[in-house]
N, C-alpha and C. Protein backbone atom coordinates (compact mmCIF):
# COMPACT_ATOMS: atom_id res chain seq x y z
N UNK A 1 -21.49 -145.63 161.17
CA UNK A 1 -21.07 -145.73 159.78
C UNK A 1 -22.24 -145.41 158.86
N UNK A 2 -23.44 -145.96 159.20
CA UNK A 2 -24.63 -145.70 158.38
C UNK A 2 -25.01 -144.23 158.39
N UNK A 3 -24.76 -143.55 159.52
CA UNK A 3 -25.09 -142.13 159.62
C UNK A 3 -24.23 -141.30 158.67
N UNK A 4 -22.96 -141.66 158.55
CA UNK A 4 -22.06 -140.94 157.63
C UNK A 4 -22.50 -141.15 156.19
N UNK A 5 -22.88 -142.39 155.88
CA UNK A 5 -23.33 -142.71 154.53
C UNK A 5 -24.63 -141.99 154.19
N UNK A 6 -25.55 -141.94 155.16
CA UNK A 6 -26.81 -141.23 154.95
C UNK A 6 -26.56 -139.75 154.72
N UNK A 7 -25.65 -139.16 155.48
CA UNK A 7 -25.31 -137.74 155.33
C UNK A 7 -24.73 -137.45 153.96
N UNK A 8 -23.87 -138.35 153.48
CA UNK A 8 -23.25 -138.19 152.16
C UNK A 8 -24.30 -138.30 151.06
N UNK A 9 -25.22 -139.26 151.19
CA UNK A 9 -26.28 -139.42 150.19
C UNK A 9 -27.19 -138.20 150.13
N UNK A 10 -27.48 -137.60 151.29
CA UNK A 10 -28.32 -136.40 151.31
C UNK A 10 -27.64 -135.24 150.60
N UNK A 11 -26.31 -135.11 150.78
CA UNK A 11 -25.58 -134.04 150.13
C UNK A 11 -25.57 -134.24 148.61
N UNK A 12 -25.38 -135.48 148.18
CA UNK A 12 -25.33 -135.78 146.75
C UNK A 12 -26.66 -135.48 146.08
N UNK A 13 -27.76 -135.65 146.78
CA UNK A 13 -29.09 -135.43 146.20
C UNK A 13 -29.40 -133.95 146.00
N UNK A 14 -28.60 -133.07 146.58
CA UNK A 14 -28.83 -131.64 146.40
C UNK A 14 -28.54 -131.27 144.94
N UNK A 15 -29.33 -130.36 144.35
CA UNK A 15 -29.20 -130.02 142.93
C UNK A 15 -27.80 -129.56 142.52
N UNK A 16 -27.13 -128.79 143.36
CA UNK A 16 -25.83 -128.28 142.94
C UNK A 16 -24.80 -129.42 142.83
N UNK A 17 -24.90 -130.44 143.69
CA UNK A 17 -23.97 -131.58 143.61
C UNK A 17 -24.28 -132.46 142.40
N UNK A 18 -25.54 -132.62 142.10
CA UNK A 18 -25.93 -133.40 140.91
C UNK A 18 -25.39 -132.71 139.66
N UNK A 19 -25.51 -131.38 139.62
CA UNK A 19 -25.01 -130.62 138.48
C UNK A 19 -23.50 -130.78 138.35
N UNK A 20 -22.78 -130.70 139.46
CA UNK A 20 -21.32 -130.84 139.45
C UNK A 20 -20.92 -132.23 138.97
N UNK A 21 -21.58 -133.27 139.48
CA UNK A 21 -21.27 -134.63 139.04
C UNK A 21 -21.54 -134.82 137.55
N UNK A 22 -22.65 -134.26 137.07
CA UNK A 22 -22.97 -134.34 135.64
C UNK A 22 -21.92 -133.64 134.79
N UNK A 23 -21.48 -132.45 135.22
CA UNK A 23 -20.47 -131.70 134.48
C UNK A 23 -19.15 -132.46 134.44
N UNK A 24 -18.78 -133.08 135.56
CA UNK A 24 -17.55 -133.87 135.60
C UNK A 24 -17.65 -135.06 134.63
N UNK A 25 -18.81 -135.69 134.58
CA UNK A 25 -19.01 -136.81 133.66
C UNK A 25 -18.89 -136.38 132.21
N UNK A 26 -19.48 -135.24 131.86
CA UNK A 26 -19.38 -134.73 130.49
C UNK A 26 -17.94 -134.41 130.14
N UNK A 27 -17.22 -133.79 131.04
CA UNK A 27 -15.81 -133.46 130.80
C UNK A 27 -14.99 -134.72 130.59
N UNK A 28 -15.23 -135.75 131.37
CA UNK A 28 -14.50 -137.02 131.20
C UNK A 28 -14.79 -137.62 129.82
N UNK A 29 -16.04 -137.56 129.39
CA UNK A 29 -16.40 -138.10 128.08
C UNK A 29 -15.71 -137.31 126.98
N UNK A 30 -15.69 -136.00 127.07
CA UNK A 30 -15.05 -135.16 126.05
C UNK A 30 -13.55 -135.43 126.01
N UNK A 31 -12.91 -135.53 127.15
CA UNK A 31 -11.47 -135.79 127.20
C UNK A 31 -11.16 -137.17 126.62
N UNK A 32 -11.97 -138.17 126.94
CA UNK A 32 -11.71 -139.51 126.42
C UNK A 32 -11.87 -139.56 124.90
N UNK A 33 -12.73 -138.72 124.33
CA UNK A 33 -12.90 -138.74 122.87
C UNK A 33 -11.66 -138.22 122.16
N UNK A 34 -10.89 -137.34 122.81
CA UNK A 34 -9.66 -136.87 122.20
C UNK A 34 -8.63 -137.98 122.10
N UNK A 35 -8.60 -138.85 123.07
CA UNK A 35 -7.61 -139.92 123.07
C UNK A 35 -7.97 -141.05 122.12
N UNK A 36 -9.25 -141.36 121.93
CA UNK A 36 -9.63 -142.46 121.05
C UNK A 36 -9.99 -141.98 119.66
N UNK A 37 -10.50 -140.78 119.51
CA UNK A 37 -10.97 -140.30 118.22
C UNK A 37 -9.87 -140.10 117.21
N UNK A 38 -8.74 -139.50 117.60
CA UNK A 38 -7.69 -139.18 116.65
C UNK A 38 -6.84 -140.38 116.30
N UNK A 39 -6.57 -141.24 117.27
CA UNK A 39 -5.68 -142.36 117.02
C UNK A 39 -6.36 -143.56 116.42
N UNK A 40 -7.65 -143.71 116.60
CA UNK A 40 -8.35 -144.90 116.13
C UNK A 40 -8.59 -144.79 114.64
N UNK A 41 -8.39 -145.90 113.94
CA UNK A 41 -8.64 -145.94 112.50
C UNK A 41 -9.99 -146.59 112.26
N UNK A 42 -10.70 -146.06 111.31
CA UNK A 42 -11.95 -146.70 110.94
C UNK A 42 -11.64 -147.84 109.99
N UNK A 43 -12.60 -148.72 109.79
CA UNK A 43 -12.40 -149.85 108.87
C UNK A 43 -12.09 -149.35 107.46
N UNK A 44 -12.67 -148.22 107.07
CA UNK A 44 -12.44 -147.69 105.73
C UNK A 44 -10.98 -147.27 105.56
N UNK A 45 -10.36 -146.68 106.59
CA UNK A 45 -8.97 -146.26 106.51
C UNK A 45 -8.02 -147.45 106.44
N UNK A 46 -8.40 -148.56 107.04
CA UNK A 46 -7.53 -149.72 107.08
C UNK A 46 -7.64 -150.56 105.82
N UNK A 47 -8.65 -150.31 105.01
CA UNK A 47 -8.85 -151.14 103.84
C UNK A 47 -7.72 -150.94 102.84
N UNK A 48 -7.32 -152.02 102.28
CA UNK A 48 -6.27 -152.11 101.27
C UNK A 48 -6.96 -152.15 99.93
N UNK A 49 -6.38 -151.62 98.90
CA UNK A 49 -6.96 -151.90 97.60
C UNK A 49 -6.13 -152.99 96.93
N UNK A 50 -6.64 -153.52 95.86
CA UNK A 50 -6.04 -154.68 95.18
C UNK A 50 -4.62 -154.39 94.73
N UNK A 51 -4.39 -153.21 94.16
CA UNK A 51 -3.07 -152.86 93.65
C UNK A 51 -2.05 -152.69 94.77
N UNK A 52 -2.45 -152.09 95.89
CA UNK A 52 -1.54 -151.97 97.03
C UNK A 52 -1.15 -153.35 97.55
N UNK A 53 -2.10 -154.25 97.58
CA UNK A 53 -1.83 -155.61 98.04
C UNK A 53 -0.83 -156.31 97.11
N UNK A 54 -1.04 -156.19 95.80
CA UNK A 54 -0.16 -156.81 94.81
C UNK A 54 1.26 -156.25 94.93
N UNK A 55 1.38 -154.93 95.03
CA UNK A 55 2.70 -154.31 95.14
C UNK A 55 3.40 -154.71 96.44
N UNK A 56 2.63 -154.84 97.51
CA UNK A 56 3.20 -155.27 98.78
C UNK A 56 3.77 -156.69 98.67
N UNK A 57 3.00 -157.58 98.04
CA UNK A 57 3.48 -158.94 97.84
C UNK A 57 4.72 -158.96 96.96
N UNK A 58 4.70 -158.16 95.88
CA UNK A 58 5.86 -158.11 94.98
C UNK A 58 7.11 -157.65 95.71
N UNK A 59 6.98 -156.62 96.54
CA UNK A 59 8.14 -156.14 97.30
C UNK A 59 8.67 -157.19 98.26
N UNK A 60 7.77 -157.91 98.92
CA UNK A 60 8.19 -158.96 99.84
C UNK A 60 8.92 -160.08 99.11
N UNK A 61 8.38 -160.50 97.98
CA UNK A 61 9.01 -161.58 97.20
C UNK A 61 10.34 -161.10 96.63
N UNK A 62 10.41 -159.84 96.21
CA UNK A 62 11.66 -159.29 95.67
C UNK A 62 12.76 -159.32 96.73
N UNK A 63 12.41 -159.02 97.99
CA UNK A 63 13.38 -159.08 99.08
C UNK A 63 13.89 -160.51 99.28
N UNK A 64 12.97 -161.47 99.21
CA UNK A 64 13.37 -162.87 99.37
C UNK A 64 14.29 -163.30 98.25
N UNK A 65 13.92 -162.94 97.01
CA UNK A 65 14.74 -163.30 95.84
C UNK A 65 16.12 -162.66 95.95
N UNK A 66 16.19 -161.40 96.39
CA UNK A 66 17.47 -160.72 96.54
C UNK A 66 18.35 -161.41 97.58
N UNK A 67 17.75 -161.87 98.66
CA UNK A 67 18.52 -162.58 99.69
C UNK A 67 19.05 -163.91 99.18
N UNK A 68 18.24 -164.63 98.41
CA UNK A 68 18.65 -165.96 97.94
C UNK A 68 19.64 -165.85 96.78
N UNK A 69 19.36 -164.97 95.81
CA UNK A 69 20.18 -164.90 94.60
C UNK A 69 21.32 -163.90 94.70
N UNK A 70 21.18 -162.91 95.58
CA UNK A 70 22.18 -161.86 95.67
C UNK A 70 21.93 -160.74 94.66
N UNK A 71 20.92 -160.87 93.83
CA UNK A 71 20.58 -159.88 92.81
C UNK A 71 19.63 -158.85 93.41
N UNK A 72 20.15 -157.65 93.65
CA UNK A 72 19.31 -156.59 94.25
C UNK A 72 18.39 -155.96 93.21
N UNK A 73 18.62 -156.22 91.93
CA UNK A 73 17.80 -155.65 90.87
C UNK A 73 16.94 -156.71 90.17
N UNK A 74 16.57 -157.72 90.91
CA UNK A 74 15.71 -158.78 90.36
C UNK A 74 14.35 -158.18 90.01
N UNK A 75 13.72 -158.76 89.00
CA UNK A 75 12.38 -158.34 88.59
C UNK A 75 11.38 -159.38 89.07
N UNK A 76 10.33 -158.91 89.75
CA UNK A 76 9.28 -159.81 90.25
C UNK A 76 7.95 -159.26 89.79
N UNK A 77 7.13 -160.13 89.23
CA UNK A 77 5.78 -159.75 88.82
C UNK A 77 4.81 -160.76 89.41
N UNK A 78 3.78 -160.25 90.06
CA UNK A 78 2.75 -161.11 90.64
C UNK A 78 1.42 -160.74 90.02
N UNK A 79 0.66 -161.74 89.62
CA UNK A 79 -0.70 -161.52 89.14
C UNK A 79 -1.67 -162.13 90.15
N UNK A 80 -2.82 -161.47 90.28
CA UNK A 80 -3.82 -161.90 91.25
C UNK A 80 -5.06 -162.45 90.55
N UNK A 81 -5.73 -163.34 91.20
CA UNK A 81 -6.91 -164.03 90.67
C UNK A 81 -8.12 -163.10 90.54
N UNK A 82 -8.43 -162.35 91.58
CA UNK A 82 -9.63 -161.51 91.59
C UNK A 82 -9.41 -160.37 92.57
N UNK A 83 -10.45 -159.63 92.89
CA UNK A 83 -10.34 -158.52 93.82
C UNK A 83 -10.51 -158.96 95.27
N UNK A 84 -10.41 -158.00 96.16
CA UNK A 84 -10.62 -158.26 97.58
C UNK A 84 -12.10 -158.48 97.81
N UNK A 85 -12.43 -159.53 98.57
CA UNK A 85 -13.83 -159.84 98.87
C UNK A 85 -14.08 -159.55 100.35
N UNK A 86 -15.22 -158.92 100.61
CA UNK A 86 -15.60 -158.58 101.97
C UNK A 86 -16.82 -159.38 102.38
N UNK A 87 -16.83 -159.86 103.61
CA UNK A 87 -18.01 -160.50 104.18
C UNK A 87 -18.61 -159.52 105.17
N UNK A 88 -19.89 -159.29 105.04
CA UNK A 88 -20.57 -158.30 105.86
C UNK A 88 -21.48 -158.97 106.89
N UNK A 89 -21.63 -158.31 108.02
CA UNK A 89 -22.55 -158.78 109.05
C UNK A 89 -23.97 -158.53 108.54
N UNK A 90 -24.81 -159.52 108.69
CA UNK A 90 -26.18 -159.31 108.24
C UNK A 90 -27.16 -159.76 109.31
N UNK A 91 -28.35 -159.23 109.18
CA UNK A 91 -29.43 -159.52 110.11
C UNK A 91 -30.47 -160.30 109.33
N UNK A 92 -30.68 -161.55 109.68
CA UNK A 92 -31.62 -162.39 108.96
C UNK A 92 -32.81 -162.68 109.86
N UNK A 93 -33.99 -162.49 109.29
CA UNK A 93 -35.22 -162.77 110.02
C UNK A 93 -35.99 -163.85 109.28
N UNK A 94 -36.38 -164.88 109.99
CA UNK A 94 -37.22 -165.94 109.43
C UNK A 94 -38.65 -165.70 109.85
N UNK A 95 -39.56 -165.84 108.91
CA UNK A 95 -40.97 -165.65 109.19
C UNK A 95 -41.70 -166.90 108.71
N UNK A 96 -42.34 -167.60 109.62
CA UNK A 96 -43.08 -168.81 109.28
C UNK A 96 -44.55 -168.56 109.57
N UNK A 97 -45.35 -168.64 108.53
CA UNK A 97 -46.78 -168.43 108.73
C UNK A 97 -47.54 -169.67 108.27
N UNK A 98 -48.61 -169.96 108.97
CA UNK A 98 -49.42 -171.14 108.67
C UNK A 98 -50.86 -170.69 108.41
N UNK A 99 -51.42 -171.22 107.32
CA UNK A 99 -52.83 -170.92 107.04
C UNK A 99 -53.66 -172.04 107.65
N UNK A 100 -54.75 -171.69 108.27
CA UNK A 100 -55.59 -172.67 108.96
C UNK A 100 -56.49 -173.44 108.01
N UNK A 101 -57.23 -174.34 108.54
CA UNK A 101 -58.16 -175.13 107.74
C UNK A 101 -57.68 -176.54 107.55
N UNK A 102 -58.44 -177.29 106.73
CA UNK A 102 -58.09 -178.69 106.51
C UNK A 102 -56.78 -178.82 105.76
N UNK A 103 -56.61 -178.03 104.74
CA UNK A 103 -55.37 -178.08 103.96
C UNK A 103 -54.43 -176.97 104.43
N UNK A 104 -53.93 -177.12 105.64
CA UNK A 104 -53.07 -176.08 106.18
C UNK A 104 -51.77 -176.02 105.37
N UNK A 105 -51.32 -174.83 105.18
CA UNK A 105 -50.14 -174.60 104.36
C UNK A 105 -49.17 -173.71 105.12
N UNK A 106 -47.88 -174.07 105.07
CA UNK A 106 -46.86 -173.27 105.74
C UNK A 106 -46.11 -172.45 104.71
N UNK A 107 -45.88 -171.21 105.03
CA UNK A 107 -45.12 -170.33 104.16
C UNK A 107 -43.92 -169.83 104.95
N UNK A 108 -42.74 -170.05 104.38
CA UNK A 108 -41.51 -169.63 105.04
C UNK A 108 -40.91 -168.48 104.25
N UNK A 109 -40.65 -167.39 104.94
CA UNK A 109 -40.09 -166.21 104.31
C UNK A 109 -38.83 -165.80 105.06
N UNK A 110 -37.81 -165.42 104.33
CA UNK A 110 -36.54 -165.04 104.94
C UNK A 110 -36.18 -163.63 104.48
N UNK A 111 -35.94 -162.74 105.43
CA UNK A 111 -35.52 -161.38 105.13
C UNK A 111 -34.10 -161.19 105.62
N UNK A 112 -33.27 -160.61 104.78
CA UNK A 112 -31.89 -160.40 105.16
C UNK A 112 -31.47 -158.97 104.81
N UNK A 113 -30.75 -158.35 105.71
CA UNK A 113 -30.23 -157.01 105.45
C UNK A 113 -28.89 -156.87 106.16
N UNK A 114 -28.02 -156.02 105.59
CA UNK A 114 -26.71 -155.80 106.19
C UNK A 114 -26.83 -154.89 107.41
N UNK A 115 -26.00 -155.18 108.40
CA UNK A 115 -25.93 -154.33 109.58
C UNK A 115 -25.01 -153.17 109.24
N UNK A 116 -25.47 -151.95 109.48
CA UNK A 116 -24.66 -150.78 109.17
C UNK A 116 -24.24 -150.07 110.44
N UNK A 117 -23.11 -149.38 110.32
CA UNK A 117 -22.60 -148.58 111.44
C UNK A 117 -22.27 -147.19 110.91
N UNK A 118 -22.26 -146.23 111.80
CA UNK A 118 -21.86 -144.86 111.41
C UNK A 118 -20.38 -144.70 111.69
N UNK A 119 -19.66 -144.17 110.70
CA UNK A 119 -18.24 -143.92 110.89
C UNK A 119 -18.03 -142.54 111.50
N UNK A 120 -16.78 -142.15 111.66
CA UNK A 120 -16.46 -140.89 112.33
C UNK A 120 -17.04 -139.68 111.61
N UNK A 121 -17.17 -139.75 110.27
CA UNK A 121 -17.70 -138.62 109.52
C UNK A 121 -19.23 -138.61 109.48
N UNK A 122 -19.87 -139.61 110.09
CA UNK A 122 -21.33 -139.66 110.15
C UNK A 122 -21.97 -140.45 109.03
N UNK A 123 -21.17 -140.96 108.09
CA UNK A 123 -21.71 -141.78 107.00
C UNK A 123 -21.97 -143.19 107.50
N UNK A 124 -22.98 -143.83 106.91
CA UNK A 124 -23.28 -145.21 107.27
C UNK A 124 -22.57 -146.14 106.30
N UNK A 125 -22.02 -147.22 106.83
CA UNK A 125 -21.39 -148.23 105.99
C UNK A 125 -21.65 -149.60 106.59
N UNK A 126 -21.63 -150.61 105.73
CA UNK A 126 -21.89 -151.98 106.18
C UNK A 126 -20.76 -152.44 107.09
N UNK A 127 -21.11 -153.22 108.10
CA UNK A 127 -20.13 -153.73 109.06
C UNK A 127 -19.39 -154.91 108.44
N UNK A 128 -18.08 -154.76 108.23
CA UNK A 128 -17.25 -155.79 107.62
C UNK A 128 -16.83 -156.79 108.69
N UNK A 129 -17.08 -158.08 108.41
CA UNK A 129 -16.67 -159.14 109.33
C UNK A 129 -15.29 -159.66 108.94
N UNK A 130 -15.14 -160.00 107.66
CA UNK A 130 -13.85 -160.49 107.18
C UNK A 130 -13.49 -159.84 105.85
N UNK A 131 -12.20 -159.77 105.61
CA UNK A 131 -11.66 -159.21 104.39
C UNK A 131 -10.79 -160.31 103.77
N UNK A 132 -11.20 -160.86 102.64
CA UNK A 132 -10.47 -161.94 101.99
C UNK A 132 -9.63 -161.38 100.86
N UNK A 133 -8.32 -161.48 101.01
CA UNK A 133 -7.41 -160.97 100.00
C UNK A 133 -7.45 -161.87 98.76
N UNK A 134 -7.14 -161.30 97.59
CA UNK A 134 -7.18 -162.09 96.36
C UNK A 134 -6.12 -163.20 96.37
N UNK A 135 -6.44 -164.29 95.67
CA UNK A 135 -5.47 -165.38 95.54
C UNK A 135 -4.43 -165.01 94.50
N UNK A 136 -3.21 -165.51 94.70
CA UNK A 136 -2.14 -165.28 93.75
C UNK A 136 -2.33 -166.22 92.57
N UNK A 137 -2.39 -165.65 91.36
CA UNK A 137 -2.52 -166.45 90.14
C UNK A 137 -1.16 -166.97 89.69
N UNK A 138 -0.15 -166.10 89.75
CA UNK A 138 1.17 -166.52 89.32
C UNK A 138 2.25 -165.55 89.72
N UNK A 139 3.50 -166.06 89.74
CA UNK A 139 4.66 -165.25 90.08
C UNK A 139 5.74 -165.51 89.05
N UNK A 140 6.28 -164.43 88.48
CA UNK A 140 7.41 -164.54 87.55
C UNK A 140 8.59 -163.82 88.16
N UNK A 141 9.76 -164.46 88.14
CA UNK A 141 10.97 -163.89 88.71
C UNK A 141 12.07 -163.94 87.66
N UNK A 142 12.71 -162.81 87.43
CA UNK A 142 13.87 -162.74 86.54
C UNK A 142 15.02 -162.19 87.37
N UNK A 143 16.05 -163.02 87.54
CA UNK A 143 17.17 -162.61 88.38
C UNK A 143 18.47 -163.21 87.87
N UNK A 144 19.58 -162.61 88.29
CA UNK A 144 20.89 -163.13 87.96
C UNK A 144 21.03 -164.51 88.60
N UNK A 145 21.41 -165.49 87.79
CA UNK A 145 21.57 -166.85 88.30
C UNK A 145 20.28 -167.65 88.29
N UNK A 146 19.19 -167.06 87.81
CA UNK A 146 17.91 -167.75 87.78
C UNK A 146 17.88 -168.96 86.86
N UNK A 147 18.86 -169.03 85.94
CA UNK A 147 18.95 -170.18 85.04
C UNK A 147 19.53 -171.41 85.76
N UNK A 148 20.22 -171.18 86.87
CA UNK A 148 20.79 -172.28 87.64
C UNK A 148 19.66 -173.06 88.31
N UNK A 149 19.63 -174.36 88.06
CA UNK A 149 18.53 -175.21 88.56
C UNK A 149 18.40 -175.17 90.08
N UNK A 150 19.53 -175.24 90.78
CA UNK A 150 19.52 -175.26 92.24
C UNK A 150 18.98 -173.94 92.80
N UNK A 151 19.47 -172.81 92.25
CA UNK A 151 19.02 -171.50 92.70
C UNK A 151 17.54 -171.29 92.39
N UNK A 152 17.12 -171.69 91.18
CA UNK A 152 15.71 -171.54 90.79
C UNK A 152 14.80 -172.35 91.70
N UNK A 153 15.26 -173.56 92.07
CA UNK A 153 14.46 -174.40 92.97
C UNK A 153 14.34 -173.77 94.35
N UNK A 154 15.44 -173.19 94.87
CA UNK A 154 15.39 -172.52 96.17
C UNK A 154 14.46 -171.32 96.15
N UNK A 155 14.51 -170.55 95.09
CA UNK A 155 13.63 -169.39 94.97
C UNK A 155 12.18 -169.85 94.87
N UNK A 156 11.92 -170.86 94.05
CA UNK A 156 10.56 -171.40 93.89
C UNK A 156 10.02 -171.91 95.22
N UNK A 157 10.81 -172.66 95.97
CA UNK A 157 10.38 -173.18 97.27
C UNK A 157 10.08 -172.06 98.26
N UNK A 158 10.91 -171.02 98.26
CA UNK A 158 10.68 -169.89 99.17
C UNK A 158 9.37 -169.17 98.81
N UNK A 159 9.11 -168.99 97.52
CA UNK A 159 7.88 -168.32 97.08
C UNK A 159 6.67 -169.19 97.40
N UNK A 160 6.78 -170.50 97.17
CA UNK A 160 5.67 -171.41 97.47
C UNK A 160 5.32 -171.35 98.96
N UNK A 161 6.33 -171.35 99.81
CA UNK A 161 6.09 -171.32 101.25
C UNK A 161 5.53 -169.96 101.69
N UNK A 162 6.02 -168.90 101.10
CA UNK A 162 5.59 -167.56 101.49
C UNK A 162 4.16 -167.28 101.08
N UNK A 163 3.80 -167.63 99.84
CA UNK A 163 2.50 -167.28 99.29
C UNK A 163 1.48 -168.42 99.33
N UNK A 164 1.91 -169.59 99.79
CA UNK A 164 1.04 -170.76 99.87
C UNK A 164 0.44 -171.11 98.50
N UNK A 165 1.32 -171.22 97.52
CA UNK A 165 0.89 -171.59 96.17
C UNK A 165 1.72 -172.79 95.70
N UNK A 166 1.30 -173.40 94.60
CA UNK A 166 2.02 -174.56 94.06
C UNK A 166 3.14 -174.11 93.13
N UNK A 167 4.04 -175.03 92.84
CA UNK A 167 5.17 -174.71 91.96
C UNK A 167 4.71 -174.41 90.53
N UNK A 168 3.53 -174.87 90.15
CA UNK A 168 3.01 -174.59 88.81
C UNK A 168 2.72 -173.11 88.61
N UNK A 169 2.58 -172.37 89.69
CA UNK A 169 2.28 -170.94 89.62
C UNK A 169 3.52 -170.06 89.72
N UNK A 170 4.71 -170.68 89.78
CA UNK A 170 5.96 -169.91 89.92
C UNK A 170 6.86 -170.21 88.73
N UNK A 171 7.41 -169.13 88.14
CA UNK A 171 8.37 -169.28 87.05
C UNK A 171 9.58 -168.44 87.38
N UNK A 172 10.77 -169.07 87.37
CA UNK A 172 12.02 -168.39 87.67
C UNK A 172 12.95 -168.56 86.48
N UNK A 173 13.54 -167.46 86.01
CA UNK A 173 14.49 -167.51 84.90
C UNK A 173 15.61 -166.53 85.15
N UNK A 174 16.68 -166.69 84.38
CA UNK A 174 17.85 -165.80 84.52
C UNK A 174 17.76 -164.61 83.59
N UNK A 175 18.63 -163.63 83.89
CA UNK A 175 18.73 -162.43 83.04
C UNK A 175 19.62 -162.74 81.85
N UNK A 176 19.30 -162.16 80.72
CA UNK A 176 20.17 -162.35 79.53
C UNK A 176 21.22 -161.28 79.48
């Protein structure tokens, strides 16, 4: 068994076999880049902007209101507290130096910098750890039957549960 293995190792060490193995490896790498490169999204492509987020929430709430009230033409307006906040990966270095002598003194210095990555186009961008969506400031709903106390309470409760906000931030009224 060892003789067969030794013979195989000797053949592999020949230059033409090393070249063939290297070429096969390069081809595998090139082929794999086609499968991951086109389908994979970069963090920049996945980022939402504030207005897209607000409109998405409005559409979701409008669907809920339509299901509860039966009004397919209900008006929903959502206001947001602030913009999207990103938390970035950073590299922090602590430097502690001590001066000698009788009155020794310690100096502590902290250096911090964001960790950057290269995207598919070759540009560098900071590595995003978390993306915090803006908080909902308020929701206004105008729908048929919104003046009915029972219906307004059901709509308010559904919005509170969906958006994780208090009833003070929700206003429901009927159409005139």
